[in-house]
Amino acid sequence: SSDYPWKNTKRGQCVLFDCVHQHGLRSFIGKRRARTQGDVRLHQVLSQELVQVLEGLLEMDPAERMCLGESCYCPSSSVGACPSSSSRHSSVWSMHWISDIEEEIRVIV
């Protein structure tokens, strides 16, 4: 369990979770050291795209939390489509950098 960023997700039970809840994940990542990298901070080893995905998936407000395109959040869309304009939840698959990668893959294939 030492690999988890916080021990409890109830406010007031874990200082690290309270920090993320109050200041945001990006602030937490900026202060937290990478475990095996000495003085290197997490924001130095994580891509901005990964940080965006983590921020969306770990959003504290469930109504604002990003989904992975599950049909229960996007009932009128196919899995993975989930356009944010017609859904309560935006999807990881609608992120700009994902569509760029999909286009690059189409060009290669």
N, C-alpha and C. Protein backbone atom coordinates (compact mmCIF):
# COMPACT_ATOMS: atom_id res chain seq x y z
N SER A 1 0.81 -1.21 0.00
CA SER A 1 0.00 0.00 0.00
C SER A 1 0.85 1.27 0.00
N SER A 2 2.15 1.15 0.09
CA SER A 2 3.00 2.35 0.11
C SER A 2 3.10 3.01 -1.26
N ASP A 3 2.61 2.36 -2.31
CA ASP A 3 2.65 2.94 -3.65
C ASP A 3 1.49 3.87 -3.94
N TYR A 4 0.49 3.89 -3.10
CA TYR A 4 -0.66 4.75 -3.33
C TYR A 4 -0.33 6.18 -2.89
N PRO A 5 -0.85 7.17 -3.61
CA PRO A 5 -0.54 8.56 -3.24
C PRO A 5 -1.18 9.00 -1.94
N TRP A 6 -2.29 8.38 -1.55
CA TRP A 6 -2.93 8.72 -0.28
C TRP A 6 -3.54 7.46 0.32
N LYS A 7 -3.73 7.51 1.63
CA LYS A 7 -4.20 6.32 2.35
C LYS A 7 -5.70 6.29 2.52
N ASN A 8 -6.37 7.43 2.36
CA ASN A 8 -7.80 7.51 2.61
C ASN A 8 -8.37 8.64 1.76
N THR A 9 -9.59 8.47 1.27
CA THR A 9 -10.22 9.52 0.46
C THR A 9 -11.31 10.25 1.22
N LYS A 10 -11.28 10.17 2.52
CA LYS A 10 -12.20 10.95 3.35
C LYS A 10 -11.46 12.19 3.82
N ARG A 11 -12.11 13.33 3.63
CA ARG A 11 -11.48 14.58 4.05
C ARG A 11 -11.17 14.54 5.55
N GLY A 12 -9.97 15.02 5.88
CA GLY A 12 -9.54 15.05 7.27
C GLY A 12 -8.87 13.77 7.73
N GLN A 13 -8.84 12.74 6.90
CA GLN A 13 -8.25 11.45 7.28
C GLN A 13 -6.84 11.25 6.72
N CYS A 14 -6.49 12.00 5.67
CA CYS A 14 -5.18 11.84 5.04
C CYS A 14 -4.70 13.21 4.56
N VAL A 15 -3.54 13.64 5.03
CA VAL A 15 -2.99 14.95 4.68
C VAL A 15 -2.77 15.07 3.17
N LEU A 16 -2.29 13.99 2.54
CA LEU A 16 -2.01 14.04 1.10
C LEU A 16 -3.29 14.19 0.29
N PHE A 17 -4.33 13.44 0.66
CA PHE A 17 -5.61 13.58 -0.04
C PHE A 17 -6.18 14.98 0.17
N ASP A 18 -6.09 15.49 1.39
CA ASP A 18 -6.59 16.84 1.66
C ASP A 18 -5.85 17.88 0.82
N CYS A 19 -4.55 17.68 0.62
CA CYS A 19 -3.76 18.59 -0.22
C CYS A 19 -4.27 18.59 -1.66
N VAL A 20 -4.53 17.39 -2.21
CA VAL A 20 -5.05 17.28 -3.58
C VAL A 20 -6.44 17.89 -3.65
N HIS A 21 -7.26 17.62 -2.66
CA HIS A 21 -8.63 18.14 -2.65
C HIS A 21 -8.63 19.66 -2.60
N GLN A 22 -7.75 20.22 -1.81
CA GLN A 22 -7.73 21.68 -1.63
C GLN A 22 -6.98 22.41 -2.75
N HIS A 23 -5.86 21.85 -3.20
CA HIS A 23 -4.99 22.58 -4.14
C HIS A 23 -4.96 22.00 -5.54
N GLY A 24 -5.49 20.80 -5.72
CA GLY A 24 -5.51 20.17 -7.03
C GLY A 24 -4.38 19.18 -7.25
N LEU A 25 -4.60 18.28 -8.19
CA LEU A 25 -3.63 17.23 -8.49
C LEU A 25 -2.34 17.81 -9.05
N ARG A 26 -2.45 18.82 -9.90
CA ARG A 26 -1.26 19.41 -10.53
C ARG A 26 -0.32 19.97 -9.48
N SER A 27 -0.85 20.63 -8.46
CA SER A 27 -0.04 21.15 -7.37
C SER A 27 0.63 20.01 -6.60
N PHE A 28 -0.13 18.95 -6.34
CA PHE A 28 0.40 17.78 -5.65
C PHE A 28 1.56 17.17 -6.43
N ILE A 29 1.38 17.02 -7.74
CA ILE A 29 2.41 16.43 -8.59
C ILE A 29 3.66 17.33 -8.63
N GLY A 30 3.44 18.63 -8.55
CA GLY A 30 4.57 19.56 -8.56
C GLY A 30 5.42 19.50 -7.31
N LYS A 31 4.84 19.08 -6.21
CA LYS A 31 5.57 19.03 -4.93
C LYS A 31 6.09 17.64 -4.59
N ARG A 32 5.46 16.63 -5.13
CA ARG A 32 5.78 15.25 -4.76
C ARG A 32 6.99 14.73 -5.53
N ARG A 33 7.87 14.05 -4.85
CA ARG A 33 9.07 13.48 -5.48
C ARG A 33 8.74 12.13 -6.12
N ALA A 34 9.40 11.86 -7.24
CA ALA A 34 9.32 10.54 -7.85
C ALA A 34 10.06 9.57 -6.92
N ARG A 35 9.48 8.46 -6.64
CA ARG A 35 9.97 7.58 -5.59
C ARG A 35 11.42 7.14 -5.75
N THR A 36 11.84 6.78 -6.92
CA THR A 36 13.19 6.24 -7.10
C THR A 36 14.13 7.23 -7.79
N GLN A 37 13.73 8.50 -7.88
CA GLN A 37 14.51 9.45 -8.65
C GLN A 37 15.17 10.55 -7.82
N GLY A 38 15.31 10.39 -6.54
CA GLY A 38 15.95 11.40 -5.69
C GLY A 38 15.15 12.68 -5.61
N ASP A 39 15.72 13.79 -6.07
CA ASP A 39 15.06 15.08 -5.98
C ASP A 39 14.17 15.41 -7.18
N VAL A 40 13.98 14.49 -8.07
CA VAL A 40 13.15 14.71 -9.25
C VAL A 40 11.68 14.70 -8.81
N ARG A 41 10.94 15.71 -9.24
CA ARG A 41 9.51 15.83 -8.91
C ARG A 41 8.68 15.08 -9.95
N LEU A 42 7.49 14.65 -9.54
CA LEU A 42 6.62 13.91 -10.46
C LEU A 42 6.31 14.69 -11.73
N HIS A 43 6.13 16.01 -11.62
CA HIS A 43 5.80 16.79 -12.82
C HIS A 43 6.93 16.76 -13.85
N GLN A 44 8.13 16.38 -13.42
CA GLN A 44 9.26 16.30 -14.33
C GLN A 44 9.30 14.97 -15.09
N VAL A 45 8.61 13.97 -14.60
CA VAL A 45 8.65 12.66 -15.26
C VAL A 45 7.31 12.26 -15.89
N LEU A 46 6.24 12.98 -15.57
CA LEU A 46 4.93 12.68 -16.16
C LEU A 46 4.65 13.66 -17.30
N SER A 47 4.15 13.15 -18.40
CA SER A 47 3.80 14.04 -19.51
C SER A 47 2.58 14.88 -19.15
N GLN A 48 2.46 16.03 -19.79
CA GLN A 48 1.30 16.89 -19.57
C GLN A 48 0.01 16.19 -19.96
N GLU A 49 0.08 15.36 -21.00
CA GLU A 49 -1.10 14.62 -21.44
C GLU A 49 -1.55 13.63 -20.36
N LEU A 50 -0.59 12.93 -19.75
CA LEU A 50 -0.95 12.00 -18.68
C LEU A 50 -1.53 12.74 -17.49
N VAL A 51 -0.96 13.88 -17.15
CA VAL A 51 -1.48 14.68 -16.05
C VAL A 51 -2.92 15.11 -16.34
N GLN A 52 -3.22 15.49 -17.58
CA GLN A 52 -4.59 15.86 -17.95
C GLN A 52 -5.55 14.69 -17.76
N VAL A 53 -5.14 13.51 -18.18
CA VAL A 53 -5.99 12.32 -18.02
C VAL A 53 -6.21 12.04 -16.53
N LEU A 54 -5.14 12.07 -15.75
CA LEU A 54 -5.27 11.80 -14.32
C LEU A 54 -6.16 12.84 -13.64
N GLU A 55 -5.99 14.12 -14.00
CA GLU A 55 -6.85 15.16 -13.42
C GLU A 55 -8.31 14.88 -13.72
N GLY A 56 -8.60 14.49 -14.96
CA GLY A 56 -9.99 14.21 -15.34
C GLY A 56 -10.56 13.00 -14.65
N LEU A 57 -9.79 11.93 -14.56
CA LEU A 57 -10.27 10.69 -13.95
C LEU A 57 -10.35 10.78 -12.43
N LEU A 58 -9.53 11.65 -11.84
CA LEU A 58 -9.51 11.79 -10.38
C LEU A 58 -10.25 13.04 -9.90
N GLU A 59 -11.04 13.64 -10.78
CA GLU A 59 -11.84 14.82 -10.41
C GLU A 59 -12.67 14.50 -9.17
N MET A 60 -12.64 15.41 -8.20
CA MET A 60 -13.36 15.18 -6.94
C MET A 60 -14.88 15.17 -7.11
N ASP A 61 -15.39 15.99 -8.00
CA ASP A 61 -16.84 16.07 -8.23
C ASP A 61 -17.23 15.00 -9.25
N PRO A 62 -17.97 13.98 -8.82
CA PRO A 62 -18.34 12.91 -9.74
C PRO A 62 -19.07 13.40 -11.00
N ALA A 63 -19.83 14.47 -10.89
CA ALA A 63 -20.55 14.99 -12.05
C ALA A 63 -19.60 15.59 -13.08
N GLU A 64 -18.42 15.98 -12.65
CA GLU A 64 -17.43 16.58 -13.55
C GLU A 64 -16.34 15.59 -13.95
N ARG A 65 -16.33 14.42 -13.36
CA ARG A 65 -15.26 13.44 -13.59
C ARG A 65 -15.28 12.93 -15.02
N MET A 66 -14.12 12.79 -15.59
CA MET A 66 -13.95 12.27 -16.94
C MET A 66 -14.21 10.76 -16.92
N CYS A 67 -14.72 10.25 -18.02
CA CYS A 67 -14.96 8.82 -18.11
C CYS A 67 -14.06 8.22 -19.19
N LEU A 68 -14.13 6.93 -19.32
CA LEU A 68 -13.36 6.22 -20.34
C LEU A 68 -14.25 5.80 -21.51
N GLY A 69 -15.39 6.48 -21.66
CA GLY A 69 -16.31 6.19 -22.74
C GLY A 69 -17.32 5.12 -22.42
N GLU A 70 -17.51 4.83 -21.13
CA GLU A 70 -18.46 3.79 -20.74
C GLU A 70 -19.87 4.15 -21.18
N SER A 71 -20.63 3.16 -21.63
CA SER A 71 -21.97 3.41 -22.14
C SER A 71 -22.91 3.93 -21.06
N CYS A 72 -22.65 3.63 -19.79
CA CYS A 72 -23.53 4.12 -18.72
C CYS A 72 -23.40 5.64 -18.56
N TYR A 73 -22.29 6.23 -19.01
CA TYR A 73 -22.12 7.68 -18.96
C TYR A 73 -22.46 8.32 -20.30
N CYS A 74 -22.44 7.53 -21.35
CA CYS A 74 -22.67 8.03 -22.70
C CYS A 74 -23.67 7.11 -23.40
N PRO A 75 -24.91 7.05 -22.92
CA PRO A 75 -25.85 6.06 -23.42
C PRO A 75 -26.17 6.18 -24.91
N SER A 76 -26.06 7.37 -25.47
CA SER A 76 -26.40 7.51 -26.89
C SER A 76 -25.20 7.33 -27.80
N SER A 77 -24.04 7.08 -27.23
CA SER A 77 -22.81 6.95 -28.02
C SER A 77 -22.26 5.55 -27.93
N SER A 78 -21.45 5.21 -28.92
CA SER A 78 -20.75 3.94 -28.82
C SER A 78 -19.62 4.08 -27.81
N VAL A 79 -19.15 2.98 -27.28
CA VAL A 79 -18.08 3.02 -26.29
C VAL A 79 -16.87 3.72 -26.90
N GLY A 80 -16.33 4.66 -26.18
CA GLY A 80 -15.16 5.40 -26.64
C GLY A 80 -15.50 6.70 -27.32
N ALA A 81 -16.72 6.84 -27.83
CA ALA A 81 -17.07 8.06 -28.55
C ALA A 81 -17.39 9.20 -27.59
N CYS A 82 -18.41 9.07 -26.82
CA CYS A 82 -18.80 9.97 -25.74
C CYS A 82 -18.49 11.44 -26.00
N PRO A 83 -19.11 12.05 -27.00
CA PRO A 83 -18.83 13.47 -27.24
C PRO A 83 -19.25 14.32 -26.06
N SER A 84 -18.38 15.19 -25.61
CA SER A 84 -18.65 15.95 -24.40
C SER A 84 -19.85 16.88 -24.56
N SER A 85 -20.20 17.27 -25.77
CA SER A 85 -21.32 18.19 -25.96
C SER A 85 -22.67 17.53 -25.67
N SER A 86 -22.78 16.21 -25.81
CA SER A 86 -24.06 15.54 -25.59
C SER A 86 -24.03 14.64 -24.36
N SER A 87 -23.05 14.78 -23.53
CA SER A 87 -22.89 13.91 -22.39
C SER A 87 -22.61 14.70 -21.13
N ARG A 88 -22.97 14.13 -19.99
CA ARG A 88 -22.63 14.75 -18.72
C ARG A 88 -21.13 14.68 -18.48
N HIS A 89 -20.49 13.66 -18.99
CA HIS A 89 -19.08 13.42 -18.74
C HIS A 89 -18.28 13.54 -20.03
N SER A 90 -17.15 14.21 -19.95
CA SER A 90 -16.26 14.19 -21.10
C SER A 90 -15.49 12.87 -21.05
N SER A 91 -15.00 12.44 -22.17
CA SER A 91 -14.31 11.17 -22.26
C SER A 91 -12.84 11.39 -22.55
N VAL A 92 -12.03 10.49 -22.03
CA VAL A 92 -10.61 10.49 -22.35
C VAL A 92 -10.43 10.45 -23.87
N TRP A 93 -11.31 9.74 -24.54
CA TRP A 93 -11.19 9.55 -25.99
C TRP A 93 -11.49 10.82 -26.78
N SER A 94 -12.07 11.83 -26.13
CA SER A 94 -12.35 13.08 -26.85
C SER A 94 -11.25 14.12 -26.63
N MET A 95 -10.20 13.75 -25.91
CA MET A 95 -9.11 14.69 -25.68
C MET A 95 -8.36 14.94 -26.99
N HIS A 96 -7.93 16.16 -27.16
CA HIS A 96 -7.29 16.59 -28.41
C HIS A 96 -6.09 15.72 -28.78
N TRP A 97 -5.24 15.43 -27.82
CA TRP A 97 -4.03 14.68 -28.14
C TRP A 97 -4.32 13.24 -28.53
N ILE A 98 -5.43 12.67 -28.07
CA ILE A 98 -5.82 11.32 -28.48
C ILE A 98 -6.17 11.31 -29.96
N SER A 99 -6.94 12.31 -30.40
CA SER A 99 -7.31 12.35 -31.82
C SER A 99 -6.08 12.58 -32.70
N ASP A 100 -5.11 13.33 -32.20
CA ASP A 100 -3.85 13.51 -32.96
C ASP A 100 -3.13 12.18 -33.14
N ILE A 101 -3.10 11.38 -32.07
CA ILE A 101 -2.44 10.08 -32.14
C ILE A 101 -3.19 9.16 -33.09
N GLU A 102 -4.53 9.17 -33.02
CA GLU A 102 -5.33 8.34 -33.92
C GLU A 102 -5.05 8.70 -35.37
N GLU A 103 -4.92 10.00 -35.66
CA GLU A 103 -4.62 10.44 -37.02
C GLU A 103 -3.24 9.97 -37.45
N GLU A 104 -2.25 10.05 -36.57
CA GLU A 104 -0.91 9.57 -36.89
C GLU A 104 -0.91 8.07 -37.19
N ILE A 105 -1.69 7.31 -36.43
CA ILE A 105 -1.77 5.87 -36.64
C ILE A 105 -2.39 5.59 -37.99
N ARG A 106 -3.44 6.32 -38.38
CA ARG A 106 -4.08 6.13 -39.68
C ARG A 106 -3.09 6.40 -40.81
N VAL A 107 -2.25 7.42 -40.64
CA VAL A 107 -1.26 7.76 -41.67
C VAL A 107 -0.24 6.63 -41.81
N ILE A 108 0.18 6.06 -40.69
CA ILE A 108 1.17 4.99 -40.71
C ILE A 108 0.60 3.73 -41.34
N VAL A 109 -0.64 3.41 -40.99
CA VAL A 109 -1.27 2.18 -41.49
C VAL A 109 -1.69 2.42 -42.91
